[in-house]
Amino acid sequence: MKYNSLNQYLRKRFGCKVYKIAINCGFTCPNRDGTVGEGGCIFCSGYGSGDFTEDSSISVTEQIERGKLKVSGKMPKNADTGTVNDNGQGKYIAYFQSFTNTYAPVEKLRHLYMEAINHKDVVAISIATRPDCLPEDVLCLLSEINKIKPVWVELGLQTIHEDTARYIRRGYELGIYDEAVKKLRERKLEVITHVILGLPGETKEDMLETVSYVGAGDVQGIKLQLLHVIRGTDLAKDYEHGLFECMTMDEYTDLIRDCIAVLPEDIVIHRMTGDGAKKTLIAPLWSADKKRVLNELNKKLSQ
């Protein structure tokens, strides 16, 4: 099955292997501080989806440098010296990941984004946020920085179904997402939408409706994320009370194939599964074996 994978897209666009480095700037979220709600989305860990990031007290530059050291293990090495052999071509995307990364005064955001965008090895920045956290001054800042290097904005939609959105405590209606995409695209900012597959109560048809909706909109990328049940979340309480079950690996990989089939061929698939921290992952446990999951996905997609 033909699809536009992130690795292929990045090589074509930037001419080299590009790695994402997760950045933690110590933000919070309006769905946690009482502005929209408290406790966050029902599935969100205490790290705000940034379980693998560095400490927020470390500067953006230092986090990038530490990230480079971590990903150096994935780069090809010289057989004789054992040193990384990327011919100086390895580049990076600074991914502002933890919590809501536009939820701060614009001058603070300017300082953080500019520090990342001006790093010599960073080719783009990607900013994870909520559609209801894009005020005019932030949109203007993002547009300004986009003239220096590409800015991607990652929006956590998860589902188009309002009953599910209320259950997961998303805290905004679908129209807010639509308006955010419109405003971002008016400023030529690239949009990546996050969708969670396997949310309690949703059928396969419900999930495919969400994916089709995203694909029909003016977005450039999508992340298909398997629902993880993480220890300490309210979702974990419902799981432990037997209120829902997680998909099997076979069900999930079949679903991914069907999701890709309803998406436009030019949309970039940024993710087809996801990593949950093994020490806090309750279910599905099969997802912890990422290599096995990816092998199964590749097998299904090659059929």
C-alpha atoms as a PDB file:
ATOM      1  CA  MET A   1       0.000   0.000   0.000  1.00  0.00           C
ATOM      2  CA  LYS A   2       1.416   3.352  -1.039  1.00  0.00           C
ATOM      3  CA  TYR A   3       1.613   6.105   1.568  1.00  0.00           C
ATOM      4  CA  ASN A   4       3.730   9.165   2.347  1.00  0.00           C
ATOM      5  CA  SER A   5       5.906   8.143   5.288  1.00  0.00           C
ATOM      6  CA  LEU A   6       7.614  10.738   7.465  1.00  0.00           C
ATOM      7  CA  ASN A   7      11.107   9.389   6.777  1.00  0.00           C
ATOM      8  CA  GLN A   8      10.617   9.547   3.013  1.00  0.00           C
ATOM      9  CA  TYR A   9       9.120  13.008   3.236  1.00  0.00           C
ATOM     10  CA  LEU A  10      11.934  14.398   5.379  1.00  0.00           C
ATOM     11  CA  ARG A  11      14.657  13.005   3.139  1.00  0.00           C
ATOM     12  CA  LYS A  12      12.977  14.437   0.082  1.00  0.00           C
ATOM     13  CA  ARG A  13      12.417  17.835   1.681  1.00  0.00           C
ATOM     14  CA  PHE A  14      15.693  18.332   3.536  1.00  0.00           C
ATOM     15  CA  GLY A  15      18.009  16.056   1.566  1.00  0.00           C
ATOM     16  CA  CYS A  16      19.212  14.046   4.558  1.00  0.00           C
ATOM     17  CA  LYS A  17      18.140  11.967   7.509  1.00  0.00           C
ATOM     18  CA  VAL A  18      16.223  14.145   9.991  1.00  0.00           C
ATOM     19  CA  TYR A  19      15.592  13.255  13.627  1.00  0.00           C
ATOM     20  CA  LYS A  20      13.044  14.708  16.051  1.00  0.00           C
ATOM     21  CA  ILE A  21      14.260  15.919  19.425  1.00  0.00           C
ATOM     22  CA  ALA A  22      11.606  16.364  22.113  1.00  0.00           C
ATOM     23  CA  ILE A  23      11.747  19.643  24.054  1.00  0.00           C
ATOM     24  CA  ASN A  24      10.219  20.293  27.482  1.00  0.00           C
ATOM     25  CA  CYS A  25       9.746  23.943  28.444  1.00  0.00           C
ATOM     26  CA  GLY A  26       7.747  23.444  31.629  1.00  0.00           C
ATOM     27  CA  PHE A  27       4.401  24.549  30.199  1.00  0.00           C
ATOM     28  CA  THR A  28       1.047  23.603  31.676  1.00  0.00           C
ATOM     29  CA  CYS A  29      -2.353  23.313  30.009  1.00  0.00           C
ATOM     30  CA  PRO A  30      -5.656  25.225  30.319  1.00  0.00           C
ATOM     31  CA  ASN A  31      -7.272  21.831  30.810  1.00  0.00           C
ATOM     32  CA  ARG A  32      -5.214  21.401  33.969  1.00  0.00           C
ATOM     33  CA  ASP A  33      -4.947  24.839  35.557  1.00  0.00           C
ATOM     34  CA  GLY A  34      -8.700  25.479  35.785  1.00  0.00           C
ATOM     35  CA  THR A  35      -9.025  27.790  32.780  1.00  0.00           C
ATOM     36  CA  VAL A  36     -10.840  25.107  30.787  1.00  0.00           C
ATOM     37  CA  GLY A  37     -10.789  22.228  33.228  1.00  0.00           C
ATOM     38  CA  GLU A  38      -8.766  20.417  35.861  1.00  0.00           C
ATOM     39  CA  GLY A  39      -6.925  17.130  35.714  1.00  0.00           C
ATOM     40  CA  GLY A  40      -6.266  17.263  31.985  1.00  0.00           C
ATOM     41  CA  CYS A  41      -7.578  14.887  29.345  1.00  0.00           C
ATOM     42  CA  ILE A  42      -8.558  11.519  30.772  1.00  0.00           C
ATOM     43  CA  PHE A  43      -5.663   9.709  29.060  1.00  0.00           C
ATOM     44  CA  CYS A  44      -2.900  12.263  29.671  1.00  0.00           C
ATOM     45  CA  SER A  45       0.030  11.290  31.878  1.00  0.00           C
ATOM     46  CA  GLY A  46       1.542  13.551  34.484  1.00  0.00           C
ATOM     47  CA  TYR A  47       4.219  14.440  31.925  1.00  0.00           C
ATOM     48  CA  GLY A  48       1.739  15.882  29.432  1.00  0.00           C
ATOM     49  CA  SER A  49       2.708  13.318  26.755  1.00  0.00           C
ATOM     50  CA  GLY A  50       6.355  14.227  27.230  1.00  0.00           C
ATOM     51  CA  ASP A  51       7.424  11.098  29.077  1.00  0.00           C
ATOM     52  CA  PHE A  52      10.766  10.898  27.254  1.00  0.00           C
ATOM     53  CA  THR A  53      11.771  14.568  27.407  1.00  0.00           C
ATOM     54  CA  GLU A  54      14.523  16.221  29.417  1.00  0.00           C
ATOM     55  CA  ASP A  55      14.016  18.282  32.578  1.00  0.00           C
ATOM     56  CA  SER A  56      12.368  21.630  31.777  1.00  0.00           C
ATOM     57  CA  SER A  57      14.989  23.506  33.804  1.00  0.00           C
ATOM     58  CA  ILE A  58      17.557  22.750  31.087  1.00  0.00           C
ATOM     59  CA  SER A  59      17.848  25.308  28.284  1.00  0.00           C
ATOM     60  CA  VAL A  60      16.419  24.589  24.847  1.00  0.00           C
ATOM     61  CA  THR A  61      19.937  24.530  23.386  1.00  0.00           C
ATOM     62  CA  GLU A  62      21.161  22.008  25.957  1.00  0.00           C
ATOM     63  CA  GLN A  63      18.085  19.826  25.406  1.00  0.00           C
ATOM     64  CA  ILE A  64      18.853  19.807  21.692  1.00  0.00           C
ATOM     65  CA  GLU A  65      22.478  18.862  22.335  1.00  0.00           C
ATOM     66  CA  ARG A  66      21.453  16.063  24.684  1.00  0.00           C
ATOM     67  CA  GLY A  67      18.910  14.888  22.134  1.00  0.00           C
ATOM     68  CA  LYS A  68      21.594  14.762  19.470  1.00  0.00           C
ATOM     69  CA  LEU A  69      23.661  12.480  21.691  1.00  0.00           C
ATOM     70  CA  LYS A  70      20.687  10.150  22.199  1.00  0.00           C
ATOM     71  CA  VAL A  71      19.865   9.812  18.519  1.00  0.00           C
ATOM     72  CA  SER A  72      23.523   9.383  17.575  1.00  0.00           C
ATOM     73  CA  GLY A  73      23.024   5.722  18.465  1.00  0.00           C
ATOM     74  CA  LYS A  74      20.613   5.423  15.535  1.00  0.00           C
ATOM     75  CA  MET A  75      23.053   6.878  13.020  1.00  0.00           C
ATOM     76  CA  PRO A  76      25.333   4.726  10.827  1.00  0.00           C
ATOM     77  CA  LYS A  77      28.808   4.278  12.284  1.00  0.00           C
ATOM     78  CA  ASN A  78      32.230   3.916  10.712  1.00  0.00           C
ATOM     79  CA  ALA A  79      33.184   0.240  10.845  1.00  0.00           C
ATOM     80  CA  ASP A  80      36.808   1.015  11.723  1.00  0.00           C
ATOM     81  CA  THR A  81      36.462   3.842  14.237  1.00  0.00           C
ATOM     82  CA  GLY A  82      32.979   3.239  15.640  1.00  0.00           C
ATOM     83  CA  THR A  83      32.207   6.930  15.290  1.00  0.00           C
ATOM     84  CA  VAL A  84      29.004   8.296  13.800  1.00  0.00           C
ATOM     85  CA  ASN A  85      29.258   8.433  10.028  1.00  0.00           C
ATOM     86  CA  ASP A  86      26.556  10.910   8.971  1.00  0.00           C
ATOM     87  CA  ASN A  87      28.918  13.011   6.840  1.00  0.00           C
ATOM     88  CA  GLY A  88      27.675  16.045   8.717  1.00  0.00           C
ATOM     89  CA  GLN A  89      24.264  15.603   7.097  1.00  0.00           C
ATOM     90  CA  GLY A  90      22.168  14.559  10.110  1.00  0.00           C
ATOM     91  CA  LYS A  91      19.698  17.313  10.964  1.00  0.00           C
ATOM     92  CA  TYR A  92      17.003  17.793  13.581  1.00  0.00           C
ATOM     93  CA  ILE A  93      13.480  19.015  14.247  1.00  0.00           C
ATOM     94  CA  ALA A  94      13.004  20.655  17.632  1.00  0.00           C
ATOM     95  CA  TYR A  95       9.716  19.220  18.880  1.00  0.00           C
ATOM     96  CA  PHE A  96       8.058  21.250  21.635  1.00  0.00           C
ATOM     97  CA  GLN A  97       6.146  18.286  23.025  1.00  0.00           C
ATOM     98  CA  SER A  98       5.149  18.439  26.694  1.00  0.00           C
ATOM     99  CA  PHE A  99       1.728  19.872  27.563  1.00  0.00           C
ATOM    100  CA  THR A 100       0.433  22.909  25.593  1.00  0.00           C
ATOM    101  CA  ASN A 101       3.348  24.661  23.929  1.00  0.00           C
ATOM    102  CA  THR A 102       1.634  27.912  22.942  1.00  0.00           C
ATOM    103  CA  TYR A 103       0.119  28.445  26.398  1.00  0.00           C
ATOM    104  CA  ALA A 104       2.411  31.201  27.682  1.00  0.00           C
ATOM    105  CA  PRO A 105       3.057  34.930  27.169  1.00  0.00           C
ATOM    106  CA  VAL A 106       4.159  35.591  23.611  1.00  0.00           C
ATOM    107  CA  GLU A 107       7.535  37.036  24.610  1.00  0.00           C
ATOM    108  CA  LYS A 108       8.400  33.888  26.533  1.00  0.00           C
ATOM    109  CA  LEU A 109       7.398  31.839  23.507  1.00  0.00           C
ATOM    110  CA  ARG A 110       9.491  34.051  21.236  1.00  0.00           C
ATOM    111  CA  HIS A 111      12.603  33.469  23.331  1.00  0.00           C
ATOM    112  CA  LEU A 112      12.130  29.676  23.370  1.00  0.00           C
ATOM    113  CA  TYR A 113      11.201  29.262  19.715  1.00  0.00           C
ATOM    114  CA  MET A 114      13.984  31.546  18.501  1.00  0.00           C
ATOM    115  CA  GLU A 115      16.560  29.664  20.552  1.00  0.00           C
ATOM    116  CA  ALA A 116      15.502  26.469  18.797  1.00  0.00           C
ATOM    117  CA  ILE A 117      15.102  27.865  15.289  1.00  0.00           C
ATOM    118  CA  ASN A 118      18.529  29.511  15.381  1.00  0.00           C
ATOM    119  CA  HIS A 119      20.354  26.294  16.268  1.00  0.00           C
ATOM    120  CA  LYS A 120      22.587  25.462  13.313  1.00  0.00           C
ATOM    121  CA  ASP A 121      21.477  21.811  13.128  1.00  0.00           C
ATOM    122  CA  VAL A 122      17.726  22.459  13.450  1.00  0.00           C
ATOM    123  CA  VAL A 123      15.875  22.535  10.122  1.00  0.00           C
ATOM    124  CA  ALA A 124      12.364  23.088  11.527  1.00  0.00           C
ATOM    125  CA  ILE A 125      10.408  23.325  14.757  1.00  0.00           C
ATOM    126  CA  SER A 126       7.239  21.421  15.576  1.00  0.00           C
ATOM    127  CA  ILE A 127       4.914  22.755  18.256  1.00  0.00           C
ATOM    128  CA  ALA A 128       2.306  20.584  19.981  1.00  0.00           C
ATOM    129  CA  THR A 129      -0.674  22.547  21.237  1.00  0.00           C
ATOM    130  CA  ARG A 130      -4.435  22.776  21.607  1.00  0.00           C
ATOM    131  CA  PRO A 131      -6.616  24.413  18.938  1.00  0.00           C
ATOM    132  CA  ASP A 132      -8.039  26.741  21.596  1.00  0.00           C
ATOM    133  CA  CYS A 133      -4.588  28.079  22.510  1.00  0.00           C
ATOM    134  CA  LEU A 134      -3.724  30.037  19.365  1.00  0.00           C
ATOM    135  CA  PRO A 135      -4.458  33.721  20.057  1.00  0.00           C
ATOM    136  CA  GLU A 136      -3.655  36.342  17.435  1.00  0.00           C
ATOM    137  CA  ASP A 137      -0.318  37.400  18.909  1.00  0.00           C
ATOM    138  CA  VAL A 138       0.881  33.781  18.963  1.00  0.00           C
ATOM    139  CA  LEU A 139      -0.267  33.229  15.373  1.00  0.00           C
ATOM    140  CA  CYS A 140       1.700  36.310  14.318  1.00  0.00           C
ATOM    141  CA  LEU A 141       4.796  35.021  16.117  1.00  0.00           C
ATOM    142  CA  LEU A 142       4.525  31.622  14.458  1.00  0.00           C
ATOM    143  CA  SER A 143       4.111  33.277  11.068  1.00  0.00           C
ATOM    144  CA  GLU A 144       7.197  35.413  11.692  1.00  0.00           C
ATOM    145  CA  ILE A 145       9.352  32.439  12.663  1.00  0.00           C
ATOM    146  CA  ASN A 146       8.028  30.436   9.724  1.00  0.00           C
ATOM    147  CA  LYS A 147       9.846  32.894   7.466  1.00  0.00           C
ATOM    148  CA  ILE A 148      13.152  31.811   9.048  1.00  0.00           C
ATOM    149  CA  LYS A 149      12.653  28.040   9.036  1.00  0.00           C
ATOM    150  CA  PRO A 150       9.543  25.852   8.712  1.00  0.00           C
ATOM    151  CA  VAL A 151       7.132  25.824  11.647  1.00  0.00           C
ATOM    152  CA  TRP A 152       4.796  22.872  12.091  1.00  0.00           C
ATOM    153  CA  VAL A 153       1.849  23.102  14.477  1.00  0.00           C
ATOM    154  CA  GLU A 154       0.585  19.829  15.926  1.00  0.00           C
ATOM    155  CA  LEU A 155      -3.055  19.936  17.027  1.00  0.00           C
ATOM    156  CA  GLY A 156      -4.503  17.409  19.457  1.00  0.00           C
ATOM    157  CA  LEU A 157      -7.891  16.585  17.964  1.00  0.00           C
ATOM    158  CA  GLN A 158      -8.096  12.872  18.914  1.00  0.00           C
ATOM    159  CA  THR A 159     -11.696  12.441  17.667  1.00  0.00           C
ATOM    160  CA  ILE A 160     -14.424  14.312  15.794  1.00  0.00           C
ATOM    161  CA  HIS A 161     -17.175  12.702  17.868  1.00  0.00           C
ATOM    162  CA  GLU A 162     -18.521  15.044  20.546  1.00  0.00           C
ATOM    163  CA  ASP A 163     -19.670  12.275  22.935  1.00  0.00           C
ATOM    164  CA  THR A 164     -16.146  10.862  22.992  1.00  0.00           C
ATOM    165  CA  ALA A 165     -14.640  14.344  23.285  1.00  0.00           C
ATOM    166  CA  ARG A 166     -16.720  14.985  26.398  1.00  0.00           C
ATOM    167  CA  TYR A 167     -15.751  11.627  27.870  1.00  0.00           C
ATOM    168  CA  ILE A 168     -12.032  12.259  27.408  1.00  0.00           C
ATOM    169  CA  ARG A 169     -12.477  15.846  28.731  1.00  0.00           C
ATOM    170  CA  ARG A 170     -10.984  17.420  25.638  1.00  0.00           C
ATOM    171  CA  GLY A 171     -12.499  20.764  26.560  1.00  0.00           C
ATOM    172  CA  TYR A 172     -13.344  22.244  23.158  1.00  0.00           C
ATOM    173  CA  GLU A 173     -15.802  21.589  20.328  1.00  0.00           C
ATOM    174  CA  LEU A 174     -14.913  20.466  16.820  1.00  0.00           C
ATOM    175  CA  GLY A 175     -15.503  23.931  15.365  1.00  0.00           C
ATOM    176  CA  ILE A 176     -12.574  25.261  17.410  1.00  0.00           C
ATOM    177  CA  TYR A 177     -10.282  22.794  15.664  1.00  0.00           C
ATOM    178  CA  ASP A 178     -11.638  23.754  12.245  1.00  0.00           C
ATOM    179  CA  GLU A 179     -11.082  27.445  12.951  1.00  0.00           C
ATOM    180  CA  ALA A 180      -7.544  26.811  14.194  1.00  0.00           C
ATOM    181  CA  VAL A 181      -6.643  24.925  11.010  1.00  0.00           C
ATOM    182  CA  LYS A 182      -8.084  27.755   8.915  1.00  0.00           C
ATOM    183  CA  LYS A 183      -6.100  30.443  10.738  1.00  0.00           C
ATOM    184  CA  LEU A 184      -2.868  28.471  10.622  1.00  0.00           C
ATOM    185  CA  ARG A 185      -3.186  27.756   6.912  1.00  0.00           C
ATOM    186  CA  GLU A 186      -4.003  31.396   6.151  1.00  0.00           C
ATOM    187  CA  ARG A 187      -0.524  32.105   7.532  1.00  0.00           C
ATOM    188  CA  LYS A 188       1.031  29.249   5.529  1.00  0.00           C
ATOM    189  CA  LEU A 189       1.834  27.279   8.677  1.00  0.00           C
ATOM    190  CA  GLU A 190       1.882  23.498   8.288  1.00  0.00           C
ATOM    191  CA  VAL A 191      -0.598  21.524  10.387  1.00  0.00           C
ATOM    192  CA  ILE A 192      -0.241  18.013  11.806  1.00  0.00           C
ATOM    193  CA  THR A 193      -3.317  16.537  13.485  1.00  0.00           C
ATOM    194  CA  HIS A 194      -3.198  13.975  16.279  1.00  0.00           C
ATOM    195  CA  VAL A 195      -5.830  11.220  16.296  1.00  0.00           C
ATOM    196  CA  ILE A 196      -6.169   8.543  18.985  1.00  0.00           C
ATOM    197  CA  LEU A 197      -7.379   5.147  17.817  1.00  0.00           C
ATOM    198  CA  GLY A 198      -9.156   2.893  20.293  1.00  0.00           C
ATOM    199  CA  LEU A 199     -10.895   5.485  22.456  1.00  0.00           C
ATOM    200  CA  PRO A 200     -13.565   3.860  24.667  1.00  0.00           C
ATOM    201  CA  GLY A 201     -16.956   3.519  23.023  1.00  0.00           C
ATOM    202  CA  GLU A 202     -15.761   4.224  19.495  1.00  0.00           C
ATOM    203  CA  THR A 203     -16.371   1.723  16.706  1.00  0.00           C
ATOM    204  CA  LYS A 204     -14.067   1.132  13.771  1.00  0.00           C
ATOM    205  CA  GLU A 205     -16.441   3.234  11.678  1.00  0.00           C
ATOM    206  CA  ASP A 206     -16.218   6.104  14.194  1.00  0.00           C
ATOM    207  CA  MET A 207     -12.418   6.072  14.009  1.00  0.00           C
ATOM    208  CA  LEU A 208     -12.378   5.970  10.220  1.00  0.00           C
ATOM    209  CA  GLU A 209     -14.808   8.905  10.158  1.00  0.00           C
ATOM    210  CA  THR A 210     -12.343  10.931  12.234  1.00  0.00           C
ATOM    211  CA  VAL A 211      -9.413   9.995   9.995  1.00  0.00           C
ATOM    212  CA  SER A 212     -11.431  10.791   6.852  1.00  0.00           C
ATOM    213  CA  TYR A 213     -12.446  14.155   8.309  1.00  0.00           C
ATOM    214  CA  VAL A 214      -8.834  15.065   9.019  1.00  0.00           C
ATOM    215  CA  GLY A 215      -7.751  13.942   5.561  1.00  0.00           C
ATOM    216  CA  ALA A 216     -10.428  16.051   3.902  1.00  0.00           C
ATOM    217  CA  GLY A 217      -9.231  19.178   5.701  1.00  0.00           C
ATOM    218  CA  ASP A 218      -6.316  21.421   4.835  1.00  0.00           C
ATOM    219  CA  VAL A 219      -3.720  19.606   6.927  1.00  0.00           C
ATOM    220  CA  GLN A 220      -0.317  18.392   5.826  1.00  0.00           C
ATOM    221  CA  GLY A 221       0.265  15.578   8.280  1.00  0.00           C
ATOM    222  CA  ILE A 222      -1.463  13.178  10.650  1.00  0.00           C
ATOM    223  CA  LYS A 223      -0.367  11.185  13.676  1.00  0.00           C
ATOM    224  CA  LEU A 224      -2.241   7.945  14.265  1.00  0.00           C
ATOM    225  CA  GLN A 225      -1.767   7.146  17.928  1.00  0.00           C
ATOM    226  CA  LEU A 226      -2.738   3.907  19.634  1.00  0.00           C
ATOM    227  CA  LEU A 227      -4.610   4.506  22.889  1.00  0.00           C
ATOM    228  CA  HIS A 228      -2.331   3.770  25.824  1.00  0.00           C
ATOM    229  CA  VAL A 229      -3.650   3.188  29.305  1.00  0.00           C
ATOM    230  CA  ILE A 230      -1.116   4.832  31.601  1.00  0.00           C
ATOM    231  CA  ARG A 231      -0.859   4.301  35.331  1.00  0.00           C
ATOM    232  CA  GLY A 232      -2.160   7.219  37.380  1.00  0.00           C
ATOM    233  CA  THR A 233      -4.620   8.509  34.769  1.00  0.00           C
ATOM    234  CA  ASP A 234      -8.408   8.587  35.089  1.00  0.00           C
ATOM    235  CA  LEU A 235      -8.549   6.394  31.988  1.00  0.00           C
ATOM    236  CA  ALA A 236      -6.669   3.729  33.937  1.00  0.00           C
ATOM    237  CA  LYS A 237      -9.411   3.705  36.585  1.00  0.00           C
ATOM    238  CA  ASP A 238     -12.063   3.028  33.940  1.00  0.00           C
ATOM    239  CA  TYR A 239      -9.928   0.284  32.410  1.00  0.00           C
ATOM    240  CA  GLU A 240      -9.362  -1.375  35.761  1.00  0.00           C
ATOM    241  CA  HIS A 241     -13.127  -1.277  36.386  1.00  0.00           C
ATOM    242  CA  GLY A 242     -13.651  -3.169  33.125  1.00  0.00           C
ATOM    243  CA  LEU A 243     -15.445  -0.328  31.343  1.00  0.00           C
ATOM    244  CA  PHE A 244     -13.576  -0.894  28.065  1.00  0.00           C
ATOM    245  CA  GLU A 245     -11.046  -3.150  26.389  1.00  0.00           C
ATOM    246  CA  CYS A 246      -8.012  -2.273  24.293  1.00  0.00           C
ATOM    247  CA  MET A 247      -7.542  -3.466  20.737  1.00  0.00           C
ATOM    248  CA  THR A 248      -5.412  -6.477  19.924  1.00  0.00           C
ATOM    249  CA  MET A 249      -2.342  -5.959  17.763  1.00  0.00           C
ATOM    250  CA  ASP A 250      -4.063  -7.644  14.848  1.00  0.00           C
ATOM    251  CA  GLU A 251      -7.102  -5.374  15.169  1.00  0.00           C
ATOM    252  CA  TYR A 252      -4.919  -2.298  15.393  1.00  0.00           C
ATOM    253  CA  THR A 253      -2.695  -3.087  12.432  1.00  0.00           C
ATOM    254  CA  ASP A 254      -5.760  -3.885  10.316  1.00  0.00           C
ATOM    255  CA  LEU A 255      -7.227  -0.538  11.354  1.00  0.00           C
ATOM    256  CA  ILE A 256      -4.076   1.365  10.387  1.00  0.00           C
ATOM    257  CA  ARG A 257      -4.249  -0.162   6.919  1.00  0.00           C
ATOM    258  CA  ASP A 258      -7.862   0.999   6.630  1.00  0.00           C
ATOM    259  CA  CYS A 259      -6.987   4.477   7.908  1.00  0.00           C
ATOM    260  CA  ILE A 260      -4.287   4.925   5.294  1.00  0.00           C
ATOM    261  CA  ALA A 261      -6.721   3.781   2.605  1.00  0.00           C
ATOM    262  CA  VAL A 262      -9.087   6.695   3.351  1.00  0.00           C
ATOM    263  CA  LEU A 263      -6.349   9.350   3.511  1.00  0.00           C
ATOM    264  CA  PRO A 264      -5.068  11.406   0.563  1.00  0.00           C
ATOM    265  CA  GLU A 265      -1.780  10.039  -0.765  1.00  0.00           C
ATOM    266  CA  ASP A 266       0.019  13.337  -0.239  1.00  0.00           C
ATOM    267  CA  ILE A 267      -0.707  13.648   3.489  1.00  0.00           C
ATOM    268  CA  VAL A 268       2.373  12.750   5.560  1.00  0.00           C
ATOM    269  CA  ILE A 269       1.887   9.897   8.036  1.00  0.00           C
ATOM    270  CA  HIS A 270       3.960  11.116  10.978  1.00  0.00           C
ATOM    271  CA  ARG A 271       3.085   8.195  13.225  1.00  0.00           C
ATOM    272  CA  MET A 272       1.312   4.850  12.962  1.00  0.00           C
ATOM    273  CA  THR A 273       1.625   3.705  16.577  1.00  0.00           C
ATOM    274  CA  GLY A 274       3.200   5.265  19.653  1.00  0.00           C
ATOM    275  CA  ASP A 275       5.545   4.754  22.564  1.00  0.00           C
ATOM    276  CA  GLY A 276       4.267   4.461  26.101  1.00  0.00           C
ATOM    277  CA  ALA A 277       6.744   4.468  28.968  1.00  0.00           C
ATOM    278  CA  LYS A 278       7.032   0.777  29.867  1.00  0.00           C
ATOM    279  CA  LYS A 279       7.213   1.472  33.597  1.00  0.00           C
ATOM    280  CA  THR A 280       3.766   3.128  33.582  1.00  0.00           C
ATOM    281  CA  LEU A 281       2.052   1.287  30.708  1.00  0.00           C
ATOM    282  CA  ILE A 282      -0.940  -0.784  31.835  1.00  0.00           C
ATOM    283  CA  ALA A 283      -2.393  -1.721  28.447  1.00  0.00           C
ATOM    284  CA  PRO A 284      -2.107  -2.826  25.732  1.00  0.00           C
ATOM    285  CA  LEU A 285       1.124  -4.526  26.752  1.00  0.00           C
ATOM    286  CA  TRP A 286       1.820  -5.757  23.228  1.00  0.00           C
ATOM    287  CA  SER A 287       2.470  -2.141  22.218  1.00  0.00           C
ATOM    288  CA  ALA A 288       5.655  -2.087  24.290  1.00  0.00           C
ATOM    289  CA  ASP A 289       7.364  -4.296  21.686  1.00  0.00           C
ATOM    290  CA  LYS A 290       7.630  -1.547  19.093  1.00  0.00           C
ATOM    291  CA  LYS A 291       9.821  -3.524  16.704  1.00  0.00           C
ATOM    292  CA  ARG A 292       7.271  -6.336  16.570  1.00  0.00           C
ATOM    293  CA  VAL A 293       4.421  -3.874  16.018  1.00  0.00           C
ATOM    294  CA  LEU A 294       6.243  -2.113  13.184  1.00  0.00           C
ATOM    295  CA  ASN A 295       7.095  -5.438  11.557  1.00  0.00           C
ATOM    296  CA  GLU A 296       3.429  -6.427  11.668  1.00  0.00           C
ATOM    297  CA  LEU A 297       2.399  -3.051  10.247  1.00  0.00           C
ATOM    298  CA  ASN A 298       4.898  -3.374   7.407  1.00  0.00           C
ATOM    299  CA  LYS A 299       3.591  -6.847   6.640  1.00  0.00           C
ATOM    300  CA  LYS A 300      -0.019  -5.654   6.526  1.00  0.00           C
ATOM    301  CA  LEU A 301       0.804  -2.608   4.413  1.00  0.00           C
ATOM    302  CA  SER A 302       2.744  -4.659   1.888  1.00  0.00           C
ATOM    303  CA  GLN A 303      -0.206  -6.977   1.199  1.00  0.00           C
END
